[in-house]
Amino acid sequence: DRKQAMSEIKEALRIAPEHQKANLALAIITEKHIEQHLKKGESDLLKGSYAAALVEFGEVLDTDPNNPRATRGRHEAETKAEAASIELSRKLEEDLNTSIANAQKYMEDEKYRDALLAFRGILALDPGNMDAAAGIKSAEGFIKDKKDGLWLKGERYMDEGSFYLALKEYRGALAYDPDDATMQSKAAAVEKLLSAKVAPFIEDAAQNEEKEKFPEAVASYEEALKYDPEN
């Protein structure tokens, strides 16, 4: 711990300024301390770790304010850090513009859920982005309108007893909002109703197949398909 050692020896020299052993030790330790931080700073500089390099060169300049290597190193680190910051800002702006364009394309293609996720991602990177905030509001509005419309169609089909068509509408609504617990429950209930509706026909068809009554089996399968065309 050279920094602590230097502090202790300086305290000894405060008491006895002419102490030869203390003066020699201070000179040796100071030189090692400076060299250690110079090497670390130059290594950080090569790696592009400019903030870390500035800390190391600062340690040297605190001990030796006129050290030429540390002065040059600090100047180079500051210059490169500024250039890197400018480049990072430029790249971030470029990425944000690309992301906004992609999100707006999703809106045009009526992929509102994809658009919503894209706008939310932009806002996470740039909380003050007005385009993303407006995009989120717009996408949420379209999702609600689409979901509500499909829900109402599903309800009408349910009233008519058309379970298959109702299930299609509920699933369509879920595509817009997969986390809607009410819609999930509704779709699961209709699935059970539809399954119960077609199960007797499928069972009857299977029994006819076993008895090699194929026309009757076909007729039962066709009846099942009237209720569930995708079965």
C-alpha atoms as a PDB file:
ATOM      1  CA  ASP A   1       0.000   0.000   0.000  1.00  0.00           C
ATOM      2  CA  ARG A   2       2.350   2.668  -1.296  1.00  0.00           C
ATOM      3  CA  LYS A   3      -0.094   5.534  -0.809  1.00  0.00           C
ATOM      4  CA  GLN A   4      -0.474   4.719   2.881  1.00  0.00           C
ATOM      5  CA  ALA A   5       3.298   4.211   3.202  1.00  0.00           C
ATOM      6  CA  MET A   6       3.903   7.648   1.694  1.00  0.00           C
ATOM      7  CA  SER A   7       1.468   9.185   4.146  1.00  0.00           C
ATOM      8  CA  GLU A   8       3.244   7.588   7.135  1.00  0.00           C
ATOM      9  CA  ILE A   9       6.715   8.620   5.950  1.00  0.00           C
ATOM     10  CA  LYS A  10       5.548  12.203   5.334  1.00  0.00           C
ATOM     11  CA  GLU A  11       4.301  12.251   8.911  1.00  0.00           C
ATOM     12  CA  ALA A  12       7.748  11.069  10.075  1.00  0.00           C
ATOM     13  CA  LEU A  13       9.376  13.844   8.006  1.00  0.00           C
ATOM     14  CA  ARG A  14       7.045  16.411   9.483  1.00  0.00           C
ATOM     15  CA  ILE A  15       8.527  15.479  12.849  1.00  0.00           C
ATOM     16  CA  ALA A  16      12.106  15.074  11.574  1.00  0.00           C
ATOM     17  CA  PRO A  17      12.514  16.779   8.163  1.00  0.00           C
ATOM     18  CA  GLU A  18      16.204  15.803   7.855  1.00  0.00           C
ATOM     19  CA  HIS A  19      15.697  12.107   8.589  1.00  0.00           C
ATOM     20  CA  GLN A  20      17.822  10.467   5.870  1.00  0.00           C
ATOM     21  CA  LYS A  21      16.197   7.040   5.918  1.00  0.00           C
ATOM     22  CA  ALA A  22      12.723   8.585   5.679  1.00  0.00           C
ATOM     23  CA  ASN A  23      13.736  10.891   2.841  1.00  0.00           C
ATOM     24  CA  LEU A  24      15.275   8.024   0.878  1.00  0.00           C
ATOM     25  CA  ALA A  25      12.272   5.763   1.492  1.00  0.00           C
ATOM     26  CA  LEU A  26       9.870   8.512   0.421  1.00  0.00           C
ATOM     27  CA  ALA A  27      11.794   9.088  -2.831  1.00  0.00           C
ATOM     28  CA  ILE A  28      11.819   5.359  -3.666  1.00  0.00           C
ATOM     29  CA  ILE A  29       8.174   4.748  -2.783  1.00  0.00           C
ATOM     30  CA  THR A  30       7.003   7.901  -4.582  1.00  0.00           C
ATOM     31  CA  GLU A  31       8.825   6.821  -7.735  1.00  0.00           C
ATOM     32  CA  LYS A  32       7.265   3.347  -7.562  1.00  0.00           C
ATOM     33  CA  HIS A  33       3.831   4.823  -6.845  1.00  0.00           C
ATOM     34  CA  ILE A  34       4.081   7.120  -9.857  1.00  0.00           C
ATOM     35  CA  GLU A  35       5.352   4.381 -12.177  1.00  0.00           C
ATOM     36  CA  GLN A  36       2.630   1.988 -11.056  1.00  0.00           C
ATOM     37  CA  HIS A  37      -0.153   4.445 -11.869  1.00  0.00           C
ATOM     38  CA  LEU A  38       1.494   5.605 -15.097  1.00  0.00           C
ATOM     39  CA  LYS A  39       1.668   2.041 -16.415  1.00  0.00           C
ATOM     40  CA  LYS A  40      -1.902   1.323 -15.350  1.00  0.00           C
ATOM     41  CA  GLY A  41      -3.129   4.567 -16.940  1.00  0.00           C
ATOM     42  CA  GLU A  42      -1.311   3.872 -20.211  1.00  0.00           C
ATOM     43  CA  SER A  43      -2.698   0.323 -20.240  1.00  0.00           C
ATOM     44  CA  ASP A  44      -6.252   1.599 -19.675  1.00  0.00           C
ATOM     45  CA  LEU A  45      -5.736   4.148 -22.441  1.00  0.00           C
ATOM     46  CA  LEU A  46      -4.751   1.409 -24.920  1.00  0.00           C
ATOM     47  CA  LYS A  47      -7.832  -0.623 -23.921  1.00  0.00           C
ATOM     48  CA  GLY A  48     -10.109   2.356 -24.454  1.00  0.00           C
ATOM     49  CA  SER A  49     -10.981   2.585 -20.750  1.00  0.00           C
ATOM     50  CA  TYR A  50     -10.656   6.365 -20.725  1.00  0.00           C
ATOM     51  CA  ALA A  51     -12.410   7.038 -17.405  1.00  0.00           C
ATOM     52  CA  ALA A  52     -10.138   4.536 -15.637  1.00  0.00           C
ATOM     53  CA  ALA A  53      -7.068   6.048 -17.348  1.00  0.00           C
ATOM     54  CA  LEU A  54      -8.040   9.533 -16.125  1.00  0.00           C
ATOM     55  CA  VAL A  55      -8.198   8.226 -12.551  1.00  0.00           C
ATOM     56  CA  GLU A  56      -4.703   6.725 -12.824  1.00  0.00           C
ATOM     57  CA  PHE A  57      -3.133   9.816 -14.387  1.00  0.00           C
ATOM     58  CA  GLY A  58      -4.895  11.930 -11.762  1.00  0.00           C
ATOM     59  CA  GLU A  59      -3.193   9.863  -9.031  1.00  0.00           C
ATOM     60  CA  VAL A  60       0.177  10.642 -10.592  1.00  0.00           C
ATOM     61  CA  LEU A  61      -0.520  14.354 -10.983  1.00  0.00           C
ATOM     62  CA  ASP A  62      -1.688  14.587  -7.375  1.00  0.00           C
ATOM     63  CA  THR A  63       1.790  13.413  -6.391  1.00  0.00           C
ATOM     64  CA  ASP A  64       3.786  15.072  -9.191  1.00  0.00           C
ATOM     65  CA  PRO A  65       1.753  17.907 -10.787  1.00  0.00           C
ATOM     66  CA  ASN A  66       4.274  18.460 -13.569  1.00  0.00           C
ATOM     67  CA  ASN A  67       4.817  14.838 -14.596  1.00  0.00           C
ATOM     68  CA  PRO A  68       5.017  14.964 -18.429  1.00  0.00           C
ATOM     69  CA  ARG A  69       3.837  11.385 -19.045  1.00  0.00           C
ATOM     70  CA  ALA A  70       0.803  11.870 -16.838  1.00  0.00           C
ATOM     71  CA  THR A  71       0.029  15.254 -18.414  1.00  0.00           C
ATOM     72  CA  ARG A  72       0.197  13.807 -21.922  1.00  0.00           C
ATOM     73  CA  GLY A  73      -1.787  10.739 -20.862  1.00  0.00           C
ATOM     74  CA  ARG A  74      -4.531  12.796 -19.257  1.00  0.00           C
ATOM     75  CA  HIS A  75      -4.835  15.040 -22.320  1.00  0.00           C
ATOM     76  CA  GLU A  76      -5.057  12.019 -24.646  1.00  0.00           C
ATOM     77  CA  ALA A  77      -7.620  10.288 -22.405  1.00  0.00           C
ATOM     78  CA  GLU A  78      -9.771  13.429 -22.228  1.00  0.00           C
ATOM     79  CA  THR A  79      -9.617  13.932 -26.003  1.00  0.00           C
ATOM     80  CA  LYS A  80     -10.461  10.333 -26.785  1.00  0.00           C
ATOM     81  CA  ALA A  81     -13.197  10.193 -24.143  1.00  0.00           C
ATOM     82  CA  GLU A  82     -14.839  13.265 -25.695  1.00  0.00           C
ATOM     83  CA  ALA A  83     -14.607  11.759 -29.192  1.00  0.00           C
ATOM     84  CA  ALA A  84     -16.042   8.460 -27.942  1.00  0.00           C
ATOM     85  CA  SER A  85     -18.901  10.298 -26.237  1.00  0.00           C
ATOM     86  CA  ILE A  86     -19.737  12.171 -29.446  1.00  0.00           C
ATOM     87  CA  GLU A  87     -19.636   8.936 -31.453  1.00  0.00           C
ATOM     88  CA  LEU A  88     -21.798   7.156 -28.881  1.00  0.00           C
ATOM     89  CA  SER A  89     -24.369   9.969 -29.012  1.00  0.00           C
ATOM     90  CA  ARG A  90     -24.382   9.846 -32.811  1.00  0.00           C
ATOM     91  CA  LYS A  91     -24.798   6.060 -32.830  1.00  0.00           C
ATOM     92  CA  LEU A  92     -27.560   6.215 -30.212  1.00  0.00           C
ATOM     93  CA  GLU A  93     -29.451   8.822 -32.227  1.00  0.00           C
ATOM     94  CA  GLU A  94     -29.025   6.737 -35.378  1.00  0.00           C
ATOM     95  CA  ASP A  95     -30.265   3.591 -33.609  1.00  0.00           C
ATOM     96  CA  LEU A  96     -33.233   5.457 -32.140  1.00  0.00           C
ATOM     97  CA  ASN A  97     -34.223   6.834 -35.548  1.00  0.00           C
ATOM     98  CA  THR A  98     -34.005   3.341 -37.055  1.00  0.00           C
ATOM     99  CA  SER A  99     -36.056   1.884 -34.189  1.00  0.00           C
ATOM    100  CA  ILE A 100     -38.735   4.564 -34.564  1.00  0.00           C
ATOM    101  CA  ALA A 101     -38.931   3.907 -38.311  1.00  0.00           C
ATOM    102  CA  ASN A 102     -39.325   0.164 -37.639  1.00  0.00           C
ATOM    103  CA  ALA A 103     -42.020   0.784 -35.019  1.00  0.00           C
ATOM    104  CA  GLN A 104     -43.916   3.078 -37.382  1.00  0.00           C
ATOM    105  CA  LYS A 105     -43.686   0.394 -40.089  1.00  0.00           C
ATOM    106  CA  TYR A 106     -45.282  -2.074 -37.664  1.00  0.00           C
ATOM    107  CA  MET A 107     -48.103   0.430 -37.179  1.00  0.00           C
ATOM    108  CA  GLU A 108     -48.597   0.732 -40.950  1.00  0.00           C
ATOM    109  CA  ASP A 109     -48.705  -3.076 -41.237  1.00  0.00           C
ATOM    110  CA  GLU A 110     -51.255  -3.190 -38.371  1.00  0.00           C
ATOM    111  CA  LYS A 111     -48.834  -5.167 -36.200  1.00  0.00           C
ATOM    112  CA  TYR A 112     -49.820  -3.087 -33.224  1.00  0.00           C
ATOM    113  CA  ARG A 113     -48.416  -5.350 -30.518  1.00  0.00           C
ATOM    114  CA  ASP A 114     -44.992  -5.412 -32.210  1.00  0.00           C
ATOM    115  CA  ALA A 115     -45.186  -1.632 -32.564  1.00  0.00           C
ATOM    116  CA  LEU A 116     -46.068  -1.225 -28.879  1.00  0.00           C
ATOM    117  CA  LEU A 117     -43.084  -3.334 -27.773  1.00  0.00           C
ATOM    118  CA  ALA A 118     -40.788  -1.413 -30.126  1.00  0.00           C
ATOM    119  CA  PHE A 119     -41.960   2.000 -28.862  1.00  0.00           C
ATOM    120  CA  ARG A 120     -41.563   0.853 -25.245  1.00  0.00           C
ATOM    121  CA  GLY A 121     -38.002  -0.241 -25.998  1.00  0.00           C
ATOM    122  CA  ILE A 122     -37.229   3.184 -27.462  1.00  0.00           C
ATOM    123  CA  LEU A 123     -38.698   4.957 -24.434  1.00  0.00           C
ATOM    124  CA  ALA A 124     -36.575   2.803 -22.100  1.00  0.00           C
ATOM    125  CA  LEU A 125     -33.438   4.049 -23.895  1.00  0.00           C
ATOM    126  CA  ASP A 126     -34.655   7.620 -24.288  1.00  0.00           C
ATOM    127  CA  PRO A 127     -37.302   8.464 -21.647  1.00  0.00           C
ATOM    128  CA  GLY A 128     -37.953  11.892 -23.149  1.00  0.00           C
ATOM    129  CA  ASN A 129     -38.612  10.666 -26.695  1.00  0.00           C
ATOM    130  CA  MET A 130     -41.926  12.261 -27.713  1.00  0.00           C
ATOM    131  CA  ASP A 131     -42.327  10.125 -30.858  1.00  0.00           C
ATOM    132  CA  ALA A 132     -42.106   6.932 -28.790  1.00  0.00           C
ATOM    133  CA  ALA A 133     -44.548   8.262 -26.173  1.00  0.00           C
ATOM    134  CA  ALA A 134     -47.057   9.206 -28.892  1.00  0.00           C
ATOM    135  CA  GLY A 135     -46.488   5.843 -30.606  1.00  0.00           C
ATOM    136  CA  ILE A 136     -47.249   3.936 -27.403  1.00  0.00           C
ATOM    137  CA  LYS A 137     -50.499   5.839 -26.909  1.00  0.00           C
ATOM    138  CA  SER A 138     -51.537   5.252 -30.512  1.00  0.00           C
ATOM    139  CA  ALA A 139     -50.616   1.532 -30.489  1.00  0.00           C
ATOM    140  CA  GLU A 140     -52.451   0.970 -27.196  1.00  0.00           C
ATOM    141  CA  GLY A 141     -55.540   2.639 -28.654  1.00  0.00           C
ATOM    142  CA  PHE A 142     -55.510   0.445 -31.770  1.00  0.00           C
ATOM    143  CA  ILE A 143     -54.935  -2.691 -29.676  1.00  0.00           C
ATOM    144  CA  LYS A 144     -57.898  -1.862 -27.437  1.00  0.00           C
ATOM    145  CA  ASP A 145     -60.170  -1.141 -30.409  1.00  0.00           C
ATOM    146  CA  LYS A 146     -59.176  -4.352 -32.210  1.00  0.00           C
ATOM    147  CA  LYS A 147     -59.421  -6.467 -29.059  1.00  0.00           C
ATOM    148  CA  ASP A 148     -62.810  -5.051 -28.082  1.00  0.00           C
ATOM    149  CA  GLY A 149     -64.148  -5.591 -31.607  1.00  0.00           C
ATOM    150  CA  LEU A 150     -63.065  -9.237 -31.658  1.00  0.00           C
ATOM    151  CA  TRP A 151     -64.444  -9.756 -28.164  1.00  0.00           C
ATOM    152  CA  LEU A 152     -67.881  -8.449 -29.217  1.00  0.00           C
ATOM    153  CA  LYS A 153     -67.917 -10.663 -32.310  1.00  0.00           C
ATOM    154  CA  GLY A 154     -67.013 -13.633 -30.120  1.00  0.00           C
ATOM    155  CA  GLU A 155     -69.856 -12.808 -27.748  1.00  0.00           C
ATOM    156  CA  ARG A 156     -72.336 -12.685 -30.647  1.00  0.00           C
ATOM    157  CA  TYR A 157     -71.165 -16.076 -31.900  1.00  0.00           C
ATOM    158  CA  MET A 158     -71.524 -17.459 -28.370  1.00  0.00           C
ATOM    159  CA  ASP A 159     -75.122 -16.242 -28.254  1.00  0.00           C
ATOM    160  CA  GLU A 160     -75.729 -18.121 -31.518  1.00  0.00           C
ATOM    161  CA  GLY A 161     -74.052 -21.260 -30.146  1.00  0.00           C
ATOM    162  CA  SER A 162     -71.253 -21.056 -32.748  1.00  0.00           C
ATOM    163  CA  PHE A 163     -68.446 -22.096 -30.422  1.00  0.00           C
ATOM    164  CA  TYR A 164     -65.851 -22.566 -33.150  1.00  0.00           C
ATOM    165  CA  LEU A 165     -66.330 -19.066 -34.567  1.00  0.00           C
ATOM    166  CA  ALA A 166     -66.458 -17.581 -31.067  1.00  0.00           C
ATOM    167  CA  LEU A 167     -63.177 -19.292 -30.181  1.00  0.00           C
ATOM    168  CA  LYS A 168     -61.521 -17.880 -33.308  1.00  0.00           C
ATOM    169  CA  GLU A 169     -62.533 -14.357 -32.314  1.00  0.00           C
ATOM    170  CA  TYR A 170     -61.351 -14.796 -28.716  1.00  0.00           C
ATOM    171  CA  ARG A 171     -58.020 -16.141 -29.914  1.00  0.00           C
ATOM    172  CA  GLY A 172     -57.727 -13.200 -32.279  1.00  0.00           C
ATOM    173  CA  ALA A 173     -58.294 -10.853 -29.343  1.00  0.00           C
ATOM    174  CA  LEU A 174     -55.635 -12.703 -27.331  1.00  0.00           C
ATOM    175  CA  ALA A 175     -53.133 -12.170 -30.149  1.00  0.00           C
ATOM    176  CA  TYR A 176     -53.414  -8.451 -29.432  1.00  0.00           C
ATOM    177  CA  ASP A 177     -53.155  -8.852 -25.662  1.00  0.00           C
ATOM    178  CA  PRO A 178     -51.826 -12.307 -24.611  1.00  0.00           C
ATOM    179  CA  ASP A 179     -51.824 -11.303 -20.928  1.00  0.00           C
ATOM    180  CA  ASP A 180     -55.563 -10.574 -20.730  1.00  0.00           C
ATOM    181  CA  ALA A 181     -56.621 -13.037 -17.992  1.00  0.00           C
ATOM    182  CA  THR A 182     -60.348 -12.583 -18.677  1.00  0.00           C
ATOM    183  CA  MET A 183     -59.872 -13.372 -22.355  1.00  0.00           C
ATOM    184  CA  GLN A 184     -57.679 -16.378 -21.540  1.00  0.00           C
ATOM    185  CA  SER A 185     -60.380 -17.749 -19.241  1.00  0.00           C
ATOM    186  CA  LYS A 186     -63.086 -17.117 -21.826  1.00  0.00           C
ATOM    187  CA  ALA A 187     -61.141 -18.872 -24.607  1.00  0.00           C
ATOM    188  CA  ALA A 188     -60.385 -21.873 -22.365  1.00  0.00           C
ATOM    189  CA  ALA A 189     -64.085 -22.214 -21.428  1.00  0.00           C
ATOM    190  CA  VAL A 190     -65.190 -22.104 -25.073  1.00  0.00           C
ATOM    191  CA  GLU A 191     -62.533 -24.675 -25.981  1.00  0.00           C
ATOM    192  CA  LYS A 192     -64.063 -27.045 -23.437  1.00  0.00           C
ATOM    193  CA  LEU A 193     -67.584 -26.429 -24.770  1.00  0.00           C
ATOM    194  CA  LEU A 194     -66.430 -27.063 -28.330  1.00  0.00           C
ATOM    195  CA  SER A 195     -64.580 -30.206 -27.313  1.00  0.00           C
ATOM    196  CA  ALA A 196     -67.652 -31.499 -25.506  1.00  0.00           C
ATOM    197  CA  LYS A 197     -69.741 -30.778 -28.604  1.00  0.00           C
ATOM    198  CA  VAL A 198     -67.584 -32.769 -31.039  1.00  0.00           C
ATOM    199  CA  ALA A 199     -66.463 -35.583 -28.700  1.00  0.00           C
ATOM    200  CA  PRO A 200     -69.620 -37.747 -29.109  1.00  0.00           C
ATOM    201  CA  PHE A 201     -69.351 -37.634 -32.916  1.00  0.00           C
ATOM    202  CA  ILE A 202     -65.670 -38.565 -32.859  1.00  0.00           C
ATOM    203  CA  GLU A 203     -66.350 -41.407 -30.423  1.00  0.00           C
ATOM    204  CA  ASP A 204     -69.200 -42.674 -32.589  1.00  0.00           C
ATOM    205  CA  ALA A 205     -66.999 -42.461 -35.704  1.00  0.00           C
ATOM    206  CA  ALA A 206     -64.216 -44.433 -33.997  1.00  0.00           C
ATOM    207  CA  GLN A 207     -66.650 -47.179 -33.003  1.00  0.00           C
ATOM    208  CA  ASN A 208     -67.969 -47.390 -36.575  1.00  0.00           C
ATOM    209  CA  GLU A 209     -64.407 -47.648 -37.860  1.00  0.00           C
ATOM    210  CA  GLU A 210     -63.761 -50.608 -35.577  1.00  0.00           C
ATOM    211  CA  LYS A 211     -66.873 -52.282 -36.978  1.00  0.00           C
ATOM    212  CA  GLU A 212     -65.743 -51.366 -40.505  1.00  0.00           C
ATOM    213  CA  LYS A 213     -68.853 -49.262 -40.984  1.00  0.00           C
ATOM    214  CA  PHE A 214     -66.883 -46.691 -42.905  1.00  0.00           C
ATOM    215  CA  PRO A 215     -69.734 -44.662 -44.461  1.00  0.00           C
ATOM    216  CA  GLU A 216     -71.241 -44.214 -40.999  1.00  0.00           C
ATOM    217  CA  ALA A 217     -67.808 -43.282 -39.591  1.00  0.00           C
ATOM    218  CA  VAL A 218     -67.341 -40.695 -42.333  1.00  0.00           C
ATOM    219  CA  ALA A 219     -70.768 -39.254 -41.593  1.00  0.00           C
ATOM    220  CA  SER A 220     -69.920 -38.881 -37.893  1.00  0.00           C
ATOM    221  CA  TYR A 221     -66.582 -37.229 -38.634  1.00  0.00           C
ATOM    222  CA  GLU A 222     -68.330 -34.820 -40.981  1.00  0.00           C
ATOM    223  CA  GLU A 223     -70.789 -33.932 -38.252  1.00  0.00           C
ATOM    224  CA  ALA A 224     -67.882 -33.232 -35.894  1.00  0.00           C
ATOM    225  CA  LEU A 225     -66.263 -31.023 -38.534  1.00  0.00           C
ATOM    226  CA  LYS A 226     -69.403 -28.941 -38.835  1.00  0.00           C
ATOM    227  CA  TYR A 227     -68.794 -27.795 -35.266  1.00  0.00           C
ATOM    228  CA  ASP A 228     -64.982 -27.695 -35.419  1.00  0.00           C
ATOM    229  CA  PRO A 229     -63.685 -27.460 -39.033  1.00  0.00           C
ATOM    230  CA  GLU A 230     -60.038 -27.491 -37.888  1.00  0.00           C
ATOM    231  CA  ASN A 231     -60.311 -30.607 -35.702  1.00  0.00           C
END
